[in-house]
C-alpha atoms as a PDB file:
ATOM      1  CA  MET A   1     -28.952  -3.484   1.363  1.00  0.00           C
ATOM      2  CA  ALA A   2     -25.169  -3.759   1.040  1.00  0.00           C
ATOM      3  CA  ILE A   3     -23.679  -5.470  -1.993  1.00  0.00           C
ATOM      4  CA  GLU A   4     -20.233  -6.937  -2.565  1.00  0.00           C
ATOM      5  CA  ALA A   5     -19.405  -5.891  -6.141  1.00  0.00           C
ATOM      6  CA  ASP A   6     -20.698  -4.125  -9.213  1.00  0.00           C
ATOM      7  CA  THR A   7     -22.639  -5.852 -11.990  1.00  0.00           C
ATOM      8  CA  THR A   8     -19.403  -6.582 -13.892  1.00  0.00           C
ATOM      9  CA  GLY A   9     -18.136  -8.704 -11.002  1.00  0.00           C
ATOM     10  CA  THR A  10     -15.187  -6.425 -10.211  1.00  0.00           C
ATOM     11  CA  PRO A  11     -14.778  -6.652  -6.438  1.00  0.00           C
ATOM     12  CA  ALA A  12     -14.800  -3.499  -4.356  1.00  0.00           C
ATOM     13  CA  PRO A  13     -11.503  -3.028  -2.499  1.00  0.00           C
ATOM     14  CA  ALA A  14     -11.772  -4.352   1.056  1.00  0.00           C
ATOM     15  CA  ALA A  15     -10.158  -3.187   4.275  1.00  0.00           C
ATOM     16  CA  GLY A  16      -6.407  -3.713   3.992  1.00  0.00           C
ATOM     17  CA  ASP A  17      -6.346  -3.440   0.185  1.00  0.00           C
ATOM     18  CA  PRO A  18      -4.427  -0.664  -1.537  1.00  0.00           C
ATOM     19  CA  ALA A  19      -6.824   1.996  -2.839  1.00  0.00           C
ATOM     20  CA  PRO A  20      -6.833   2.252  -6.634  1.00  0.00           C
ATOM     21  CA  ASP A  21      -5.515   5.675  -7.603  1.00  0.00           C
ATOM     22  CA  LEU A  22      -7.762   8.005  -9.524  1.00  0.00           C
ATOM     23  CA  THR A  23      -7.338  11.358 -11.213  1.00  0.00           C
ATOM     24  CA  LEU A  24     -10.491  13.279 -12.107  1.00  0.00           C
ATOM     25  CA  LYS A  25     -11.650  16.844 -12.755  1.00  0.00           C
ATOM     26  CA  ASP A  26     -13.639  18.530 -10.003  1.00  0.00           C
ATOM     27  CA  ASN A  27     -16.680  20.769 -10.407  1.00  0.00           C
ATOM     28  CA  HIS A  28     -14.338  23.740 -11.077  1.00  0.00           C
ATOM     29  CA  GLY A  29     -12.224  21.954 -13.701  1.00  0.00           C
ATOM     30  CA  ARG A  30      -9.273  21.359 -11.366  1.00  0.00           C
ATOM     31  CA  THR A  31      -7.461  18.038 -11.540  1.00  0.00           C
ATOM     32  CA  VAL A  32      -7.685  16.064  -8.288  1.00  0.00           C
ATOM     33  CA  SER A  33      -5.760  12.833  -7.672  1.00  0.00           C
ATOM     34  CA  LEU A  34      -6.159  10.497  -4.758  1.00  0.00           C
ATOM     35  CA  ALA A  35      -2.352  10.371  -4.638  1.00  0.00           C
ATOM     36  CA  ASP A  36      -2.341  14.115  -3.795  1.00  0.00           C
ATOM     37  CA  PHE A  37      -3.467  13.210  -0.269  1.00  0.00           C
ATOM     38  CA  ARG A  38      -1.069  10.310   0.366  1.00  0.00           C
ATOM     39  CA  GLY A  39       1.014  11.021   3.440  1.00  0.00           C
ATOM     40  CA  GLU A  40      -1.115  14.096   4.187  1.00  0.00           C
ATOM     41  CA  LYS A  41      -4.742  13.185   4.917  1.00  0.00           C
ATOM     42  CA  ASN A  42      -7.187  10.348   5.290  1.00  0.00           C
ATOM     43  CA  VAL A  43      -9.758  10.394   2.475  1.00  0.00           C
ATOM     44  CA  VAL A  44     -13.472   9.676   2.487  1.00  0.00           C
ATOM     45  CA  LEU A  45     -14.096   8.636  -1.124  1.00  0.00           C
ATOM     46  CA  LEU A  46     -17.809   8.581  -1.803  1.00  0.00           C
ATOM     47  CA  PHE A  47     -19.382   7.386  -5.060  1.00  0.00           C
ATOM     48  CA  TYR A  48     -22.980   8.386  -5.776  1.00  0.00           C
ATOM     49  CA  PRO A  49     -25.291   7.795  -8.768  1.00  0.00           C
ATOM     50  CA  PHE A  50     -26.415  11.233  -9.979  1.00  0.00           C
ATOM     51  CA  ALA A  51     -26.589  14.897  -9.019  1.00  0.00           C
ATOM     52  CA  PHE A  52     -30.052  16.371  -8.521  1.00  0.00           C
ATOM     53  CA  THR A  53     -31.661  13.116  -7.370  1.00  0.00           C
ATOM     54  CA  GLY A  54     -33.429  12.771  -4.046  1.00  0.00           C
ATOM     55  CA  VAL A  55     -31.295  10.287  -2.117  1.00  0.00           C
ATOM     56  CA  CYS A  56     -28.001  11.650  -3.508  1.00  0.00           C
ATOM     57  CA  THR A  57     -28.926  15.234  -2.681  1.00  0.00           C
ATOM     58  CA  GLY A  58     -29.923  14.179   0.837  1.00  0.00           C
ATOM     59  CA  GLU A  59     -26.660  12.316   1.424  1.00  0.00           C
ATOM     60  CA  LEU A  60     -24.435  15.076   0.043  1.00  0.00           C
ATOM     61  CA  CYS A  61     -26.293  17.786   1.974  1.00  0.00           C
ATOM     62  CA  ALA A  62     -25.955  15.753   5.200  1.00  0.00           C
ATOM     63  CA  LEU A  63     -22.190  15.725   4.588  1.00  0.00           C
ATOM     64  CA  ARG A  64     -22.304  19.486   3.890  1.00  0.00           C
ATOM     65  CA  ASP A  65     -24.033  20.003   7.224  1.00  0.00           C
ATOM     66  CA  GLU A  66     -21.227  18.124   9.034  1.00  0.00           C
ATOM     67  CA  LEU A  67     -18.437  19.399   6.776  1.00  0.00           C
ATOM     68  CA  PRO A  68     -15.868  20.301   9.477  1.00  0.00           C
ATOM     69  CA  ARG A  69     -15.802  16.626  10.426  1.00  0.00           C
ATOM     70  CA  PHE A  70     -15.138  15.537   6.822  1.00  0.00           C
ATOM     71  CA  VAL A  71     -12.850  18.302   5.547  1.00  0.00           C
ATOM     72  CA  ASN A  72     -10.148  19.364   7.990  1.00  0.00           C
ATOM     73  CA  ASP A  73      -6.430  18.984   8.676  1.00  0.00           C
ATOM     74  CA  ASP A  74      -6.779  15.184   8.909  1.00  0.00           C
ATOM     75  CA  VAL A  75      -9.553  14.310   6.440  1.00  0.00           C
ATOM     76  CA  GLN A  76     -10.570  15.141   2.872  1.00  0.00           C
ATOM     77  CA  LEU A  77     -13.969  14.285   1.419  1.00  0.00           C
ATOM     78  CA  LEU A  78     -14.125  13.497  -2.300  1.00  0.00           C
ATOM     79  CA  ALA A  79     -17.523  12.776  -3.883  1.00  0.00           C
ATOM     80  CA  VAL A  80     -17.587  11.096  -7.310  1.00  0.00           C
ATOM     81  CA  SER A  81     -20.367  10.642  -9.877  1.00  0.00           C
ATOM     82  CA  THR A  82     -20.517  10.023 -13.615  1.00  0.00           C
ATOM     83  CA  ASP A  83     -22.111  13.440 -14.166  1.00  0.00           C
ATOM     84  CA  SER A  84     -20.225  16.035 -16.231  1.00  0.00           C
ATOM     85  CA  MET A  85     -18.146  18.624 -14.407  1.00  0.00           C
ATOM     86  CA  HIS A  86     -20.587  21.305 -15.620  1.00  0.00           C
ATOM     87  CA  THR A  87     -23.548  19.487 -14.080  1.00  0.00           C
ATOM     88  CA  LEU A  88     -21.592  19.090 -10.852  1.00  0.00           C
ATOM     89  CA  ARG A  89     -20.741  22.798 -10.768  1.00  0.00           C
ATOM     90  CA  VAL A  90     -24.426  23.791 -10.966  1.00  0.00           C
ATOM     91  CA  PHE A  91     -25.385  21.114  -8.426  1.00  0.00           C
ATOM     92  CA  ALA A  92     -22.703  22.280  -5.959  1.00  0.00           C
ATOM     93  CA  GLU A  93     -23.766  25.918  -6.327  1.00  0.00           C
ATOM     94  CA  GLN A  94     -27.452  25.097  -5.917  1.00  0.00           C
ATOM     95  CA  GLU A  95     -26.899  22.967  -2.784  1.00  0.00           C
ATOM     96  CA  GLY A  96     -24.013  24.946  -1.234  1.00  0.00           C
ATOM     97  CA  LEU A  97     -21.586  22.016  -1.476  1.00  0.00           C
ATOM     98  CA  GLU A  98     -18.084  23.301  -0.717  1.00  0.00           C
ATOM     99  CA  TYR A  99     -16.127  20.088  -1.120  1.00  0.00           C
ATOM    100  CA  PRO A 100     -14.825  18.558  -4.361  1.00  0.00           C
ATOM    101  CA  LEU A 101     -17.388  16.861  -6.579  1.00  0.00           C
ATOM    102  CA  LEU A 102     -15.364  14.778  -9.030  1.00  0.00           C
ATOM    103  CA  SER A 103     -16.565  13.920 -12.516  1.00  0.00           C
ATOM    104  CA  ASP A 104     -16.108  10.304 -13.634  1.00  0.00           C
ATOM    105  CA  PHE A 105     -17.727  11.262 -16.940  1.00  0.00           C
ATOM    106  CA  TRP A 106     -15.002  10.226 -19.386  1.00  0.00           C
ATOM    107  CA  PRO A 107     -13.877   7.588 -19.815  1.00  0.00           C
ATOM    108  CA  HIS A 108     -17.362   6.997 -18.489  1.00  0.00           C
ATOM    109  CA  GLY A 109     -17.280   5.338 -15.067  1.00  0.00           C
ATOM    110  CA  ALA A 110     -13.582   4.361 -15.156  1.00  0.00           C
ATOM    111  CA  ALA A 111     -13.011   5.304 -11.500  1.00  0.00           C
ATOM    112  CA  ALA A 112     -16.243   3.634 -10.386  1.00  0.00           C
ATOM    113  CA  ARG A 113     -15.211   0.482 -12.247  1.00  0.00           C
ATOM    114  CA  ALA A 114     -11.793   0.518 -10.540  1.00  0.00           C
ATOM    115  CA  TYR A 115     -13.622   0.562  -7.195  1.00  0.00           C
ATOM    116  CA  GLY A 116     -16.129  -2.130  -8.202  1.00  0.00           C
ATOM    117  CA  VAL A 117     -19.119   0.207  -7.892  1.00  0.00           C
ATOM    118  CA  PHE A 118     -20.177   0.829 -11.503  1.00  0.00           C
ATOM    119  CA  ASP A 119     -23.602  -0.434 -12.584  1.00  0.00           C
ATOM    120  CA  GLU A 120     -23.209  -1.261 -16.286  1.00  0.00           C
ATOM    121  CA  GLU A 121     -26.954  -1.477 -16.906  1.00  0.00           C
ATOM    122  CA  LYS A 122     -27.747   1.925 -15.416  1.00  0.00           C
ATOM    123  CA  GLY A 123     -24.509   3.640 -16.469  1.00  0.00           C
ATOM    124  CA  CYS A 124     -23.733   5.076 -13.050  1.00  0.00           C
ATOM    125  CA  ALA A 125     -22.031   4.319  -9.769  1.00  0.00           C
ATOM    126  CA  VAL A 126     -23.887   2.601  -6.973  1.00  0.00           C
ATOM    127  CA  ARG A 127     -23.461   4.038  -3.466  1.00  0.00           C
ATOM    128  CA  GLY A 128     -19.923   3.098  -2.480  1.00  0.00           C
ATOM    129  CA  THR A 129     -17.891   4.724   0.271  1.00  0.00           C
ATOM    130  CA  PHE A 130     -14.247   4.003   0.986  1.00  0.00           C
ATOM    131  CA  ILE A 131     -12.200   5.393   3.856  1.00  0.00           C
ATOM    132  CA  ILE A 132      -8.574   5.486   2.797  1.00  0.00           C
ATOM    133  CA  ASP A 133      -5.774   6.205   5.246  1.00  0.00           C
ATOM    134  CA  ARG A 134      -2.722   8.384   4.680  1.00  0.00           C
ATOM    135  CA  THR A 135      -0.747   5.407   3.337  1.00  0.00           C
ATOM    136  CA  GLY A 136      -3.301   4.798   0.561  1.00  0.00           C
ATOM    137  CA  THR A 137      -4.821   1.721   2.211  1.00  0.00           C
ATOM    138  CA  VAL A 138      -8.557   1.127   2.363  1.00  0.00           C
ATOM    139  CA  ARG A 139      -9.519   0.964   6.044  1.00  0.00           C
ATOM    140  CA  TRP A 140     -13.294   0.587   5.667  1.00  0.00           C
ATOM    141  CA  SER A 141     -15.886   0.412   2.918  1.00  0.00           C
ATOM    142  CA  VAL A 142     -19.586   0.040   2.360  1.00  0.00           C
ATOM    143  CA  VAL A 143     -21.363  -0.495  -0.952  1.00  0.00           C
ATOM    144  CA  ASN A 144     -25.122  -0.068  -1.141  1.00  0.00           C
ATOM    145  CA  ASP A 145     -27.657  -0.540  -3.914  1.00  0.00           C
ATOM    146  CA  LEU A 146     -28.935   2.576  -5.683  1.00  0.00           C
ATOM    147  CA  PRO A 147     -31.985   3.290  -3.503  1.00  0.00           C
ATOM    148  CA  ASP A 148     -30.270   2.626  -0.158  1.00  0.00           C
ATOM    149  CA  ALA A 149     -28.837   5.705   1.557  1.00  0.00           C
ATOM    150  CA  ARG A 150     -25.714   5.415   3.697  1.00  0.00           C
ATOM    151  CA  ASP A 151     -25.369   6.470   7.324  1.00  0.00           C
ATOM    152  CA  LEU A 152     -22.663   9.116   7.707  1.00  0.00           C
ATOM    153  CA  ASN A 153     -22.330   8.223  11.395  1.00  0.00           C
ATOM    154  CA  ASP A 154     -20.680   4.986  10.240  1.00  0.00           C
ATOM    155  CA  TYR A 155     -17.977   7.052   8.491  1.00  0.00           C
ATOM    156  CA  LEU A 156     -17.424   9.166  11.584  1.00  0.00           C
ATOM    157  CA  LYS A 157     -16.843   6.118  13.789  1.00  0.00           C
ATOM    158  CA  VAL A 158     -14.152   4.855  11.432  1.00  0.00           C
ATOM    159  CA  LEU A 159     -12.499   8.258  11.086  1.00  0.00           C
ATOM    160  CA  ASP A 160     -12.439   8.676  14.862  1.00  0.00           C
ATOM    161  CA  ALA A 161     -10.617   5.349  15.149  1.00  0.00           C
ATOM    162  CA  LEU A 162      -7.855   6.298  12.652  1.00  0.00           C
END
């Protein structure tokens, strides 16, 4: 079931809105900023609740299995959770995830809040995906409740249209 905003009432950016910038550490401790891709690549920005959970692992492994379509000369996939960078490193190694897993650990959930996908009661992001074009504009988004997996074919249709 899709939802419009997080439990704080912060709206998720809609198509046509500028994407809020974010700067986070990846699972290797490198600093990654959304602005790094402006003018260079479209970005699939995917928020997920927690590493090592069933639905999240399934979604991230499905992306791994289609990785050339999500990480290439035109597109960069960035996956964000509130897990620590150390947890994300082990998770990526265990599942063979070769794309950046970004830690929104501290300040806890700041990036998820900026995108309207932070669940204050549970302390994690809900399932939000934002496709951001090279100009930094949100072109498409979907926000699902915690138990509801997303369909990566929806992302591919949007990317193909950019």
